[in-house]
Amino acid sequence: MRNLAQKATFLKARAGSFCDTIKRGRRRIVTLAALGVSTSIGASAVPAAVEQPVAPDALRPFHVDIPQAALDDLRKRIAATKWLNQENESSLGVSLSTMRKLAAYRRTDYDWRKVERRLNALPQFITKIDGVDIHFIHVRAKNKNALPMIITHGWPGSVIEQLKVVDPLIYPEAHGGSASDAFDVVIPSLPGYGFSGKPATMGGIWFGLLAHGLRL
């Protein structure tokens, strides 16, 4: 119990900057909207210049839009894969036949645009924490008393793994639960993964995000 109390105290001590960033970002977005300035950005687009400077830690709406040229180049690189001449032993990892099937699927059948539509159907944002851009999905429940839940993907992995749990968490009443069971869902991309920036060192960025997220 003592260790838990110490951890709770530490979390409370660390909590604050991420929540403050969210609040400042929202105020900034409202101000820009009042001025008629667009705050949307694409996954690979350069943000448009605006007359009003954007604070470094502002909350920026995010929209995924991967250029078709990048997708075409990926398919070409997959097609150019140099494969082993014979099947490897199971003790050495994934079988060659499985990898060939996966590569063929990604090259010919995988529909990235469908994934983009799923992502863009949810509110996404980027904010800066300790100098690193952090991408996250933030979906609020209708229940105003809903608690925030941070859902972390694995590594390697991405926020796409967690999309299937969003609806049951924000609309539990549609899945056999009660509206009082709802959560506000926050799904960040790990630093260095997905649409988040790459930190020079891990430091306390991710732990800080988790701690501050408790107060979202």
N, C-alpha and C. Protein backbone atom coordinates (compact mmCIF):
# COMPACT_ATOMS: atom_id res chain seq x y z
N MET A 1 0.82 -1.20 0.00
CA MET A 1 0.00 0.00 0.00
C MET A 1 0.86 1.26 0.00
N ARG A 2 1.98 1.16 0.71
CA ARG A 2 2.86 2.33 0.77
C ARG A 2 3.41 2.67 -0.61
N ASN A 3 3.80 1.61 -1.37
CA ASN A 3 4.33 1.85 -2.71
C ASN A 3 3.27 2.46 -3.62
N LEU A 4 2.01 1.98 -3.48
CA LEU A 4 0.93 2.52 -4.29
C LEU A 4 0.69 3.99 -3.96
N ALA A 5 0.75 4.30 -2.66
CA ALA A 5 0.54 5.69 -2.24
C ALA A 5 1.64 6.59 -2.78
N GLN A 6 2.89 6.07 -2.76
CA GLN A 6 4.01 6.85 -3.28
C GLN A 6 3.86 7.08 -4.78
N LYS A 7 3.42 6.03 -5.51
CA LYS A 7 3.23 6.17 -6.95
C LYS A 7 2.12 7.18 -7.25
N ALA A 8 1.03 7.10 -6.47
CA ALA A 8 -0.06 8.04 -6.68
C ALA A 8 0.38 9.47 -6.43
N THR A 9 1.18 9.65 -5.38
CA THR A 9 1.70 10.99 -5.08
C THR A 9 2.59 11.48 -6.20
N PHE A 10 3.41 10.57 -6.75
CA PHE A 10 4.32 10.95 -7.83
C PHE A 10 3.54 11.33 -9.08
N LEU A 11 2.48 10.54 -9.38
CA LEU A 11 1.66 10.83 -10.55
C LEU A 11 1.00 12.20 -10.43
N LYS A 12 0.49 12.49 -9.23
CA LYS A 12 -0.15 13.79 -9.02
C LYS A 12 0.87 14.92 -9.17
N ALA A 13 2.10 14.66 -8.70
CA ALA A 13 3.14 15.69 -8.79
C ALA A 13 3.52 15.95 -10.23
N ARG A 14 3.52 14.87 -11.06
CA ARG A 14 3.90 15.02 -12.47
C ARG A 14 2.76 15.53 -13.33
N ALA A 15 1.51 15.32 -12.88
CA ALA A 15 0.35 15.70 -13.69
C ALA A 15 0.24 17.21 -13.80
N GLY A 16 -0.18 17.68 -14.94
CA GLY A 16 -0.39 19.11 -15.08
C GLY A 16 -0.09 19.65 -16.45
N SER A 17 1.14 19.46 -16.94
CA SER A 17 1.53 20.13 -18.18
C SER A 17 0.74 19.64 -19.39
N PHE A 18 0.49 18.31 -19.46
CA PHE A 18 -0.27 17.81 -20.61
C PHE A 18 -1.69 18.35 -20.58
N CYS A 19 -2.30 18.33 -19.39
CA CYS A 19 -3.64 18.87 -19.25
C CYS A 19 -3.66 20.36 -19.60
N ASP A 20 -2.65 21.09 -19.13
CA ASP A 20 -2.56 22.52 -19.44
C ASP A 20 -2.39 22.73 -20.93
N THR A 21 -1.60 21.85 -21.56
CA THR A 21 -1.40 21.93 -23.01
C THR A 21 -2.72 21.77 -23.74
N ILE A 22 -3.51 20.78 -23.32
CA ILE A 22 -4.81 20.54 -23.93
C ILE A 22 -5.68 21.79 -23.82
N LYS A 23 -5.73 22.36 -22.61
CA LYS A 23 -6.59 23.53 -22.38
C LYS A 23 -6.11 24.72 -23.20
N ARG A 24 -4.77 24.96 -23.20
CA ARG A 24 -4.25 26.09 -23.96
C ARG A 24 -4.49 25.89 -25.44
N GLY A 25 -4.33 24.63 -25.88
CA GLY A 25 -4.55 24.33 -27.29
C GLY A 25 -5.99 24.58 -27.70
N ARG A 26 -6.93 24.17 -26.85
CA ARG A 26 -8.34 24.40 -27.16
C ARG A 26 -8.64 25.89 -27.26
N ARG A 27 -8.11 26.66 -26.30
CA ARG A 27 -8.34 28.10 -26.34
C ARG A 27 -7.76 28.70 -27.61
N ARG A 28 -6.57 28.16 -28.00
CA ARG A 28 -5.91 28.67 -29.20
C ARG A 28 -6.75 28.37 -30.44
N ILE A 29 -7.30 27.17 -30.51
CA ILE A 29 -8.10 26.77 -31.66
C ILE A 29 -9.35 27.62 -31.75
N VAL A 30 -9.99 27.88 -30.60
CA VAL A 30 -11.18 28.73 -30.60
C VAL A 30 -10.84 30.12 -31.12
N THR A 31 -9.69 30.66 -30.68
CA THR A 31 -9.26 31.98 -31.12
C THR A 31 -9.02 32.01 -32.62
N LEU A 32 -8.32 30.98 -33.13
CA LEU A 32 -8.03 30.93 -34.56
C LEU A 32 -9.31 30.78 -35.36
N ALA A 33 -10.24 29.96 -34.82
CA ALA A 33 -11.52 29.78 -35.53
C ALA A 33 -12.27 31.09 -35.62
N ALA A 34 -12.22 31.88 -34.54
CA ALA A 34 -12.90 33.17 -34.54
C ALA A 34 -12.28 34.11 -35.56
N LEU A 35 -11.00 33.92 -35.83
CA LEU A 35 -10.31 34.76 -36.80
C LEU A 35 -10.43 34.23 -38.22
N GLY A 36 -11.07 33.03 -38.31
CA GLY A 36 -11.26 32.43 -39.64
C GLY A 36 -10.02 31.75 -40.15
N VAL A 37 -9.13 31.31 -39.24
CA VAL A 37 -7.89 30.66 -39.64
C VAL A 37 -8.05 29.16 -39.54
N SER A 38 -7.69 28.43 -40.58
CA SER A 38 -7.78 26.97 -40.56
C SER A 38 -6.63 26.40 -39.74
N THR A 39 -6.95 25.37 -38.92
CA THR A 39 -5.92 24.73 -38.11
C THR A 39 -5.69 23.29 -38.51
N SER A 40 -6.31 22.83 -39.59
CA SER A 40 -6.15 21.45 -40.01
C SER A 40 -4.82 21.25 -40.69
N ILE A 41 -4.25 20.03 -40.49
CA ILE A 41 -3.02 19.68 -41.17
C ILE A 41 -3.13 18.25 -41.67
N GLY A 42 -2.33 17.90 -42.67
CA GLY A 42 -2.31 16.54 -43.17
C GLY A 42 -1.12 15.81 -42.61
N ALA A 43 -1.11 14.46 -42.78
CA ALA A 43 -0.05 13.65 -42.20
C ALA A 43 1.31 14.00 -42.76
N SER A 44 1.35 14.42 -44.04
CA SER A 44 2.65 14.73 -44.63
C SER A 44 2.69 16.15 -45.19
N ALA A 45 1.63 16.92 -44.91
CA ALA A 45 1.57 18.26 -45.48
C ALA A 45 2.29 19.26 -44.59
N VAL A 46 2.81 20.31 -45.20
CA VAL A 46 3.44 21.40 -44.45
C VAL A 46 2.33 22.34 -44.01
N PRO A 47 2.21 22.63 -42.70
CA PRO A 47 1.15 23.52 -42.23
C PRO A 47 1.20 24.86 -42.96
N ALA A 48 0.02 25.35 -43.33
CA ALA A 48 -0.06 26.63 -44.04
C ALA A 48 0.33 27.77 -43.11
N ALA A 49 0.97 28.78 -43.69
CA ALA A 49 1.37 29.93 -42.90
C ALA A 49 0.14 30.72 -42.50
N VAL A 50 0.11 31.21 -41.27
CA VAL A 50 -1.01 32.01 -40.78
C VAL A 50 -0.46 33.29 -40.19
N GLU A 51 -1.30 34.29 -40.16
CA GLU A 51 -0.87 35.58 -39.65
C GLU A 51 -0.65 35.52 -38.14
N GLN A 52 -1.54 34.77 -37.44
CA GLN A 52 -1.41 34.68 -36.00
C GLN A 52 -0.46 33.52 -35.67
N PRO A 53 0.61 33.75 -34.93
CA PRO A 53 1.54 32.67 -34.60
C PRO A 53 0.88 31.61 -33.73
N VAL A 54 1.22 30.34 -34.00
CA VAL A 54 0.66 29.23 -33.23
C VAL A 54 1.64 28.87 -32.12
N ALA A 55 1.14 28.76 -30.90
CA ALA A 55 2.00 28.41 -29.77
C ALA A 55 2.61 27.03 -29.99
N PRO A 56 3.89 26.84 -29.58
CA PRO A 56 4.57 25.57 -29.81
C PRO A 56 3.83 24.38 -29.21
N ASP A 57 3.11 24.60 -28.09
CA ASP A 57 2.44 23.49 -27.44
C ASP A 57 0.94 23.48 -27.72
N ALA A 58 0.51 24.16 -28.79
CA ALA A 58 -0.91 24.23 -29.12
C ALA A 58 -1.44 22.85 -29.50
N LEU A 59 -2.72 22.67 -29.27
CA LEU A 59 -3.39 21.44 -29.68
C LEU A 59 -3.82 21.60 -31.13
N ARG A 60 -3.27 20.78 -32.02
CA ARG A 60 -3.52 20.92 -33.45
C ARG A 60 -4.39 19.79 -33.97
N PRO A 61 -5.54 20.09 -34.56
CA PRO A 61 -6.34 19.03 -35.19
C PRO A 61 -5.50 18.32 -36.25
N PHE A 62 -5.70 17.02 -36.39
CA PHE A 62 -4.87 16.22 -37.30
C PHE A 62 -5.76 15.38 -38.22
N HIS A 63 -5.38 15.32 -39.48
CA HIS A 63 -6.12 14.56 -40.49
C HIS A 63 -5.12 13.74 -41.29
N VAL A 64 -5.37 12.44 -41.40
CA VAL A 64 -4.45 11.55 -42.12
C VAL A 64 -4.71 11.62 -43.61
N ASP A 65 -3.68 11.86 -44.39
CA ASP A 65 -3.81 11.93 -45.84
C ASP A 65 -2.46 11.59 -46.46
N ILE A 66 -2.18 10.30 -46.55
CA ILE A 66 -0.90 9.84 -47.10
C ILE A 66 -0.91 10.01 -48.62
N PRO A 67 0.10 10.64 -49.20
CA PRO A 67 0.15 10.83 -50.67
C PRO A 67 0.11 9.50 -51.41
N GLN A 68 -0.61 9.45 -52.50
CA GLN A 68 -0.70 8.23 -53.28
C GLN A 68 0.67 7.77 -53.76
N ALA A 69 1.54 8.73 -54.05
CA ALA A 69 2.89 8.38 -54.51
C ALA A 69 3.63 7.56 -53.47
N ALA A 70 3.42 7.86 -52.19
CA ALA A 70 4.08 7.11 -51.11
C ALA A 70 3.56 5.68 -51.05
N LEU A 71 2.25 5.51 -51.26
CA LEU A 71 1.66 4.16 -51.25
C LEU A 71 2.15 3.35 -52.45
N ASP A 72 2.24 4.00 -53.60
CA ASP A 72 2.72 3.31 -54.81
C ASP A 72 4.18 2.89 -54.63
N ASP A 73 4.98 3.77 -54.01
CA ASP A 73 6.39 3.46 -53.79
C ASP A 73 6.54 2.28 -52.83
N LEU A 74 5.67 2.21 -51.80
CA LEU A 74 5.72 1.10 -50.86
C LEU A 74 5.42 -0.22 -51.56
N ARG A 75 4.44 -0.22 -52.43
CA ARG A 75 4.10 -1.45 -53.17
C ARG A 75 5.27 -1.88 -54.05
N LYS A 76 5.95 -0.92 -54.66
CA LYS A 76 7.10 -1.26 -55.50
C LYS A 76 8.22 -1.86 -54.66
N ARG A 77 8.45 -1.31 -53.49
CA ARG A 77 9.53 -1.82 -52.64
C ARG A 77 9.21 -3.21 -52.11
N ILE A 78 7.92 -3.45 -51.81
CA ILE A 78 7.52 -4.80 -51.37
C ILE A 78 7.73 -5.80 -52.51
N ALA A 79 7.35 -5.39 -53.73
CA ALA A 79 7.51 -6.28 -54.90
C ALA A 79 8.97 -6.58 -55.17
N ALA A 80 9.86 -5.67 -54.77
CA ALA A 80 11.30 -5.84 -55.04
C ALA A 80 12.02 -6.58 -53.91
N THR A 81 11.27 -7.13 -52.96
CA THR A 81 11.89 -7.85 -51.84
C THR A 81 12.74 -9.02 -52.32
N LYS A 82 13.94 -9.15 -51.76
CA LYS A 82 14.81 -10.30 -52.07
C LYS A 82 14.56 -11.38 -51.04
N TRP A 83 13.94 -12.48 -51.46
CA TRP A 83 13.56 -13.53 -50.54
C TRP A 83 14.64 -14.60 -50.42
N LEU A 84 14.61 -15.35 -49.33
CA LEU A 84 15.51 -16.49 -49.15
C LEU A 84 15.19 -17.56 -50.18
N ASN A 85 16.17 -18.40 -50.48
CA ASN A 85 15.96 -19.46 -51.47
C ASN A 85 15.26 -20.68 -50.90
N GLN A 86 15.23 -20.79 -49.57
CA GLN A 86 14.58 -21.94 -48.96
C GLN A 86 13.91 -21.54 -47.66
N GLU A 87 12.96 -22.38 -47.23
CA GLU A 87 12.21 -22.12 -46.01
C GLU A 87 13.12 -22.16 -44.79
N ASN A 88 12.94 -21.22 -43.88
CA ASN A 88 13.75 -21.22 -42.67
C ASN A 88 13.09 -22.08 -41.60
N GLU A 89 13.88 -22.52 -40.62
CA GLU A 89 13.36 -23.33 -39.53
C GLU A 89 12.46 -22.48 -38.64
N SER A 90 11.45 -23.12 -38.06
CA SER A 90 10.50 -22.41 -37.21
C SER A 90 11.17 -21.74 -36.02
N SER A 91 12.28 -22.30 -35.57
CA SER A 91 12.99 -21.73 -34.42
C SER A 91 13.66 -20.41 -34.76
N LEU A 92 13.76 -20.09 -36.06
CA LEU A 92 14.44 -18.87 -36.49
C LEU A 92 13.48 -17.71 -36.73
N GLY A 93 12.18 -17.94 -36.47
CA GLY A 93 11.22 -16.85 -36.64
C GLY A 93 10.08 -17.21 -37.56
N VAL A 94 9.41 -16.19 -38.09
CA VAL A 94 8.25 -16.39 -38.96
C VAL A 94 8.68 -17.12 -40.23
N SER A 95 7.84 -18.05 -40.67
CA SER A 95 8.20 -18.84 -41.85
C SER A 95 8.22 -17.99 -43.11
N LEU A 96 9.02 -18.43 -44.06
CA LEU A 96 9.15 -17.72 -45.33
C LEU A 96 7.81 -17.68 -46.06
N SER A 97 7.08 -18.78 -46.03
CA SER A 97 5.80 -18.83 -46.73
C SER A 97 4.80 -17.83 -46.15
N THR A 98 4.82 -17.70 -44.82
CA THR A 98 3.92 -16.74 -44.17
C THR A 98 4.28 -15.31 -44.56
N MET A 99 5.57 -15.00 -44.58
CA MET A 99 6.01 -13.67 -44.95
C MET A 99 5.68 -13.35 -46.40
N ARG A 100 5.80 -14.34 -47.28
CA ARG A 100 5.45 -14.13 -48.69
C ARG A 100 3.96 -13.82 -48.84
N LYS A 101 3.12 -14.55 -48.09
CA LYS A 101 1.68 -14.31 -48.15
C LYS A 101 1.34 -12.91 -47.63
N LEU A 102 2.01 -12.52 -46.53
CA LEU A 102 1.76 -11.20 -45.95
C LEU A 102 2.18 -10.10 -46.93
N ALA A 103 3.34 -10.27 -47.54
CA ALA A 103 3.83 -9.27 -48.50
C ALA A 103 2.89 -9.16 -49.69
N ALA A 104 2.40 -10.31 -50.18
CA ALA A 104 1.49 -10.31 -51.32
C ALA A 104 0.19 -9.59 -50.96
N TYR A 105 -0.29 -9.83 -49.75
CA TYR A 105 -1.52 -9.17 -49.31
C TYR A 105 -1.33 -7.66 -49.22
N ARG A 106 -0.22 -7.24 -48.61
CA ARG A 106 0.02 -5.80 -48.47
C ARG A 106 0.23 -5.13 -49.82
N ARG A 107 0.77 -5.86 -50.78
CA ARG A 107 1.07 -5.26 -52.09
C ARG A 107 -0.18 -5.17 -52.96
N THR A 108 -1.10 -6.13 -52.87
CA THR A 108 -2.21 -6.18 -53.82
C THR A 108 -3.60 -5.96 -53.20
N ASP A 109 -3.81 -6.38 -51.96
CA ASP A 109 -5.17 -6.38 -51.41
C ASP A 109 -5.39 -5.39 -50.27
N TYR A 110 -4.35 -5.00 -49.57
CA TYR A 110 -4.53 -4.14 -48.40
C TYR A 110 -5.03 -2.76 -48.81
N ASP A 111 -6.10 -2.30 -48.15
CA ASP A 111 -6.73 -1.02 -48.51
C ASP A 111 -6.40 0.03 -47.44
N TRP A 112 -5.31 0.79 -47.68
CA TRP A 112 -4.93 1.81 -46.71
C TRP A 112 -5.97 2.92 -46.63
N ARG A 113 -6.60 3.27 -47.72
CA ARG A 113 -7.58 4.36 -47.70
C ARG A 113 -8.74 4.02 -46.78
N LYS A 114 -9.09 2.76 -46.67
CA LYS A 114 -10.14 2.34 -45.75
C LYS A 114 -9.72 2.61 -44.31
N VAL A 115 -8.44 2.34 -44.03
CA VAL A 115 -7.89 2.60 -42.69
C VAL A 115 -7.89 4.11 -42.42
N GLU A 116 -7.51 4.88 -43.40
CA GLU A 116 -7.52 6.34 -43.26
C GLU A 116 -8.91 6.85 -42.88
N ARG A 117 -9.92 6.30 -43.55
CA ARG A 117 -11.29 6.74 -43.27
C ARG A 117 -11.69 6.40 -41.83
N ARG A 118 -11.26 5.24 -41.34
CA ARG A 118 -11.56 4.87 -39.95
C ARG A 118 -10.88 5.82 -38.98
N LEU A 119 -9.63 6.17 -39.26
CA LEU A 119 -8.91 7.09 -38.39
C LEU A 119 -9.52 8.49 -38.43
N ASN A 120 -9.81 8.97 -39.62
CA ASN A 120 -10.32 10.33 -39.77
C ASN A 120 -11.75 10.49 -39.30
N ALA A 121 -12.44 9.38 -39.02
CA ALA A 121 -13.79 9.45 -38.47
C ALA A 121 -13.75 9.81 -36.99
N LEU A 122 -12.56 9.77 -36.39
CA LEU A 122 -12.40 10.07 -34.97
C LEU A 122 -11.60 11.37 -34.79
N PRO A 123 -11.84 12.12 -33.72
CA PRO A 123 -11.06 13.35 -33.47
C PRO A 123 -9.60 13.01 -33.18
N GLN A 124 -8.71 13.58 -33.96
CA GLN A 124 -7.27 13.36 -33.77
C GLN A 124 -6.58 14.70 -33.57
N PHE A 125 -5.50 14.65 -32.79
CA PHE A 125 -4.78 15.88 -32.49
C PHE A 125 -3.29 15.59 -32.41
N ILE A 126 -2.51 16.66 -32.50
CA ILE A 126 -1.07 16.59 -32.22
C ILE A 126 -0.76 17.72 -31.26
N THR A 127 0.02 17.42 -30.24
CA THR A 127 0.50 18.45 -29.34
C THR A 127 1.96 18.16 -29.04
N LYS A 128 2.64 19.13 -28.51
CA LYS A 128 4.07 18.97 -28.24
C LYS A 128 4.29 18.75 -26.75
N ILE A 129 4.99 17.68 -26.40
CA ILE A 129 5.32 17.37 -25.02
C ILE A 129 6.83 17.19 -24.93
N ASP A 130 7.46 17.99 -24.08
CA ASP A 130 8.92 17.95 -23.95
C ASP A 130 9.61 18.09 -25.30
N GLY A 131 9.04 18.94 -26.17
CA GLY A 131 9.66 19.20 -27.46
C GLY A 131 9.38 18.18 -28.54
N VAL A 132 8.54 17.18 -28.26
CA VAL A 132 8.25 16.12 -29.23
C VAL A 132 6.77 16.14 -29.59
N ASP A 133 6.46 16.12 -30.90
CA ASP A 133 5.07 16.05 -31.34
C ASP A 133 4.47 14.71 -30.95
N ILE A 134 3.32 14.73 -30.26
CA ILE A 134 2.62 13.52 -29.87
C ILE A 134 1.25 13.51 -30.53
N HIS A 135 0.98 12.47 -31.33
CA HIS A 135 -0.31 12.30 -31.98
C HIS A 135 -1.21 11.48 -31.08
N PHE A 136 -2.48 11.86 -31.02
CA PHE A 136 -3.40 11.05 -30.23
C PHE A 136 -4.83 11.22 -30.72
N ILE A 137 -5.63 10.18 -30.48
CA ILE A 137 -7.06 10.19 -30.72
C ILE A 137 -7.73 10.51 -29.39
N HIS A 138 -8.72 11.40 -29.40
CA HIS A 138 -9.42 11.76 -28.16
C HIS A 138 -10.91 11.80 -28.45
N VAL A 139 -11.64 10.79 -27.97
CA VAL A 139 -13.07 10.69 -28.21
C VAL A 139 -13.79 10.79 -26.87
N ARG A 140 -14.68 11.76 -26.77
CA ARG A 140 -15.43 11.97 -25.53
C ARG A 140 -16.76 11.23 -25.56
N ALA A 141 -17.15 10.68 -24.40
CA ALA A 141 -18.45 10.04 -24.25
C ALA A 141 -19.51 11.11 -24.02
N LYS A 142 -20.77 10.76 -24.24
CA LYS A 142 -21.85 11.69 -23.98
C LYS A 142 -22.02 11.93 -22.49
N ASN A 143 -21.64 10.94 -21.69
CA ASN A 143 -21.73 11.07 -20.24
C ASN A 143 -20.69 12.08 -19.76
N LYS A 144 -21.14 13.22 -19.22
CA LYS A 144 -20.23 14.27 -18.79
C LYS A 144 -19.35 13.85 -17.62
N ASN A 145 -19.75 12.81 -16.91
CA ASN A 145 -18.98 12.32 -15.76
C ASN A 145 -18.05 11.17 -16.13
N ALA A 146 -17.91 10.92 -17.42
CA ALA A 146 -17.05 9.81 -17.86
C ALA A 146 -15.60 10.06 -17.47
N LEU A 147 -14.93 9.02 -17.03
CA LEU A 147 -13.52 9.11 -16.67
C LEU A 147 -12.66 8.95 -17.92
N PRO A 148 -11.51 9.61 -17.97
CA PRO A 148 -10.61 9.42 -19.12
C PRO A 148 -9.85 8.11 -19.01
N MET A 149 -9.70 7.44 -20.13
CA MET A 149 -8.92 6.20 -20.18
C MET A 149 -7.87 6.33 -21.28
N ILE A 150 -6.60 6.19 -20.93
CA ILE A 150 -5.52 6.19 -21.92
C ILE A 150 -5.25 4.74 -22.32
N ILE A 151 -5.32 4.48 -23.61
CA ILE A 151 -5.09 3.13 -24.14
C ILE A 151 -3.81 3.17 -24.96
N THR A 152 -2.83 2.41 -24.54
CA THR A 152 -1.52 2.42 -25.19
C THR A 152 -1.35 1.21 -26.09
N HIS A 153 -0.93 1.44 -27.31
CA HIS A 153 -0.65 0.32 -28.22
C HIS A 153 0.70 -0.29 -27.88
N GLY A 154 0.95 -1.45 -28.44
CA GLY A 154 2.23 -2.12 -28.18
C GLY A 154 3.31 -1.64 -29.11
N TRP A 155 4.48 -2.26 -29.02
CA TRP A 155 5.58 -1.90 -29.90
C TRP A 155 6.25 -3.17 -30.38
N PRO A 156 6.37 -3.39 -31.70
CA PRO A 156 5.83 -2.47 -32.71
C PRO A 156 4.31 -2.55 -32.75
N GLY A 157 3.69 -1.46 -33.14
CA GLY A 157 2.23 -1.42 -33.18
C GLY A 157 1.76 -0.03 -33.53
N SER A 158 0.45 0.21 -33.42
CA SER A 158 -0.08 1.53 -33.73
C SER A 158 -1.45 1.69 -33.10
N VAL A 159 -2.00 2.90 -33.18
CA VAL A 159 -3.32 3.18 -32.64
C VAL A 159 -4.41 2.38 -33.36
N ILE A 160 -4.12 1.91 -34.56
CA ILE A 160 -5.10 1.15 -35.33
C ILE A 160 -5.55 -0.09 -34.57
N GLU A 161 -4.65 -0.66 -33.77
CA GLU A 161 -4.97 -1.86 -32.98
C GLU A 161 -6.11 -1.60 -32.01
N GLN A 162 -6.27 -0.36 -31.57
CA GLN A 162 -7.21 -0.04 -30.51
C GLN A 162 -8.54 0.53 -31.02
N LEU A 163 -8.69 0.74 -32.31
CA LEU A 163 -9.90 1.36 -32.82
C LEU A 163 -11.16 0.56 -32.48
N LYS A 164 -11.03 -0.75 -32.41
CA LYS A 164 -12.20 -1.59 -32.18
C LYS A 164 -12.80 -1.44 -30.79
N VAL A 165 -12.04 -0.87 -29.85
CA VAL A 165 -12.57 -0.75 -28.49
C VAL A 165 -13.17 0.62 -28.21
N VAL A 166 -13.03 1.56 -29.15
CA VAL A 166 -13.52 2.93 -28.90
C VAL A 166 -15.03 2.95 -28.69
N ASP A 167 -15.79 2.39 -29.61
CA ASP A 167 -17.25 2.47 -29.53
C ASP A 167 -17.80 1.81 -28.25
N PRO A 168 -17.35 0.61 -27.87
CA PRO A 168 -17.86 0.01 -26.63
C PRO A 168 -17.55 0.84 -25.39
N LEU A 169 -16.44 1.59 -25.42
CA LEU A 169 -16.06 2.38 -24.25
C LEU A 169 -16.81 3.70 -24.16
N ILE A 170 -17.10 4.32 -25.29
CA ILE A 170 -17.80 5.62 -25.23
C ILE A 170 -19.32 5.44 -25.29
N TYR A 171 -19.77 4.29 -25.85
CA TYR A 171 -21.20 4.00 -25.91
C TYR A 171 -21.49 2.61 -25.32
N PRO A 172 -21.21 2.40 -24.04
CA PRO A 172 -21.41 1.07 -23.45
C PRO A 172 -22.86 0.62 -23.49
N GLU A 173 -23.80 1.59 -23.51
CA GLU A 173 -25.22 1.23 -23.52
C GLU A 173 -25.61 0.53 -24.82
N ALA A 174 -24.83 0.73 -25.87
CA ALA A 174 -25.11 0.07 -27.15
C ALA A 174 -24.48 -1.32 -27.21
N HIS A 175 -23.78 -1.69 -26.15
CA HIS A 175 -23.10 -2.98 -26.12
C HIS A 175 -23.44 -3.76 -24.86
N GLY A 176 -24.64 -3.53 -24.34
CA GLY A 176 -25.10 -4.29 -23.18
C GLY A 176 -24.73 -3.69 -21.84
N GLY A 177 -24.11 -2.52 -21.84
CA GLY A 177 -23.72 -1.88 -20.59
C GLY A 177 -24.61 -0.71 -20.24
N SER A 178 -24.16 0.09 -19.28
CA SER A 178 -24.89 1.27 -18.86
C SER A 178 -24.12 2.52 -19.27
N ALA A 179 -24.86 3.62 -19.49
CA ALA A 179 -24.22 4.87 -19.87
C ALA A 179 -23.23 5.33 -18.81
N SER A 180 -23.47 4.95 -17.56
CA SER A 180 -22.57 5.34 -16.47
C SER A 180 -21.23 4.62 -16.54
N ASP A 181 -21.14 3.60 -17.39
CA ASP A 181 -19.88 2.85 -17.55
C ASP A 181 -18.96 3.48 -18.59
N ALA A 182 -19.38 4.57 -19.20
CA ALA A 182 -18.64 5.15 -20.32
C ALA A 182 -17.32 5.79 -19.89
N PHE A 183 -16.39 5.83 -20.84
CA PHE A 183 -15.08 6.47 -20.64
C PHE A 183 -14.84 7.47 -21.77
N ASP A 184 -14.09 8.52 -21.45
CA ASP A 184 -13.49 9.35 -22.49
C ASP A 184 -12.21 8.65 -22.91
N VAL A 185 -12.05 8.39 -24.19
CA VAL A 185 -10.95 7.55 -24.66
C VAL A 185 -9.83 8.39 -25.28
N VAL A 186 -8.61 8.15 -24.82
CA VAL A 186 -7.41 8.82 -25.35
C VAL A 186 -6.46 7.73 -25.83
N ILE A 187 -6.15 7.74 -27.12
CA ILE A 187 -5.26 6.72 -27.69
C ILE A 187 -4.08 7.41 -28.36
N PRO A 188 -2.95 7.54 -27.68
CA PRO A 188 -1.79 8.21 -28.28
C PRO A 188 -0.93 7.25 -29.11
N SER A 189 -0.21 7.83 -30.06
CA SER A 189 0.83 7.08 -30.77
C SER A 189 2.11 7.21 -29.97
N LEU A 190 2.75 6.08 -29.70
CA LEU A 190 4.01 6.12 -28.97
C LEU A 190 5.01 7.04 -29.66
N PRO A 191 5.85 7.74 -28.90
CA PRO A 191 6.91 8.55 -29.52
C PRO A 191 7.74 7.69 -30.47
N GLY A 192 7.92 8.16 -31.70
CA GLY A 192 8.68 7.39 -32.67
C GLY A 192 7.82 6.44 -33.49
N TYR A 193 6.52 6.38 -33.20
CA TYR A 193 5.61 5.48 -33.92
C TYR A 193 4.49 6.29 -34.56
N GLY A 194 3.93 5.74 -35.65
CA GLY A 194 2.78 6.37 -36.27
C GLY A 194 3.04 7.82 -36.65
N PHE A 195 2.17 8.70 -36.18
CA PHE A 195 2.26 10.11 -36.53
C PHE A 195 2.89 10.96 -35.43
N SER A 196 3.43 10.32 -34.40
CA SER A 196 4.15 11.06 -33.36
C SER A 196 5.58 11.32 -33.81
N GLY A 197 6.21 12.33 -33.21
CA GLY A 197 7.59 12.65 -33.55
C GLY A 197 8.56 11.66 -32.95
N LYS A 198 9.80 11.77 -33.37
CA LYS A 198 10.85 10.88 -32.89
C LYS A 198 11.71 11.61 -31.86
N PRO A 199 11.69 11.17 -30.61
CA PRO A 199 12.49 11.85 -29.58
C PRO A 199 13.97 11.47 -29.69
N ALA A 200 14.85 12.39 -29.29
CA ALA A 200 16.28 12.09 -29.27
C ALA A 200 16.56 11.04 -28.20
N THR A 201 15.88 11.16 -27.08
CA THR A 201 15.97 10.17 -25.99
C THR A 201 14.56 10.00 -25.44
N MET A 202 14.26 8.83 -24.90
CA MET A 202 12.92 8.59 -24.39
C MET A 202 12.63 9.44 -23.16
N GLY A 203 13.59 9.51 -22.25
CA GLY A 203 13.40 10.32 -21.05
C GLY A 203 12.09 10.00 -20.37
N GLY A 204 11.34 11.03 -19.97
CA GLY A 204 10.09 10.80 -19.27
C GLY A 204 8.88 11.17 -20.08
N ILE A 205 9.03 11.28 -21.42
CA ILE A 205 7.92 11.74 -22.26
C ILE A 205 6.70 10.86 -22.11
N TRP A 206 6.87 9.54 -22.27
CA TRP A 206 5.70 8.68 -22.28
C TRP A 206 5.09 8.55 -20.89
N PHE A 207 5.93 8.45 -19.87
CA PHE A 207 5.40 8.39 -18.52
C PHE A 207 4.70 9.70 -18.18
N GLY A 208 5.27 10.80 -18.64
CA GLY A 208 4.64 12.10 -18.41
C GLY A 208 3.28 12.18 -19.08
N LEU A 209 3.17 11.64 -20.30
CA LEU A 209 1.90 11.64 -21.01
C LEU A 209 0.85 10.86 -20.24
N LEU A 210 1.23 9.70 -19.75
CA LEU A 210 0.30 8.89 -18.98
C LEU A 210 -0.13 9.59 -17.71
N ALA A 211 0.84 10.19 -17.02
CA ALA A 211 0.53 10.87 -15.76
C ALA A 211 -0.39 12.05 -15.99
N HIS A 212 -0.05 12.87 -16.98
CA HIS A 212 -0.84 14.07 -17.23
C HIS A 212 -2.21 13.69 -17.81
N GLY A 213 -2.27 12.58 -18.53
CA GLY A 213 -3.53 12.17 -19.11
C GLY A 213 -4.57 11.81 -18.08
N LEU A 214 -4.15 11.50 -16.87
CA LEU A 214 -5.11 11.18 -15.81
C LEU A 214 -6.01 12.36 -15.50
N ARG A 215 -5.57 13.56 -15.91
CA ARG A 215 -6.35 14.76 -15.60
C ARG A 215 -7.06 15.34 -16.83
N LEU A 216 -7.05 14.61 -17.95
CA LEU A 216 -7.70 15.11 -19.16
C LEU A 216 -9.18 15.39 -18.90
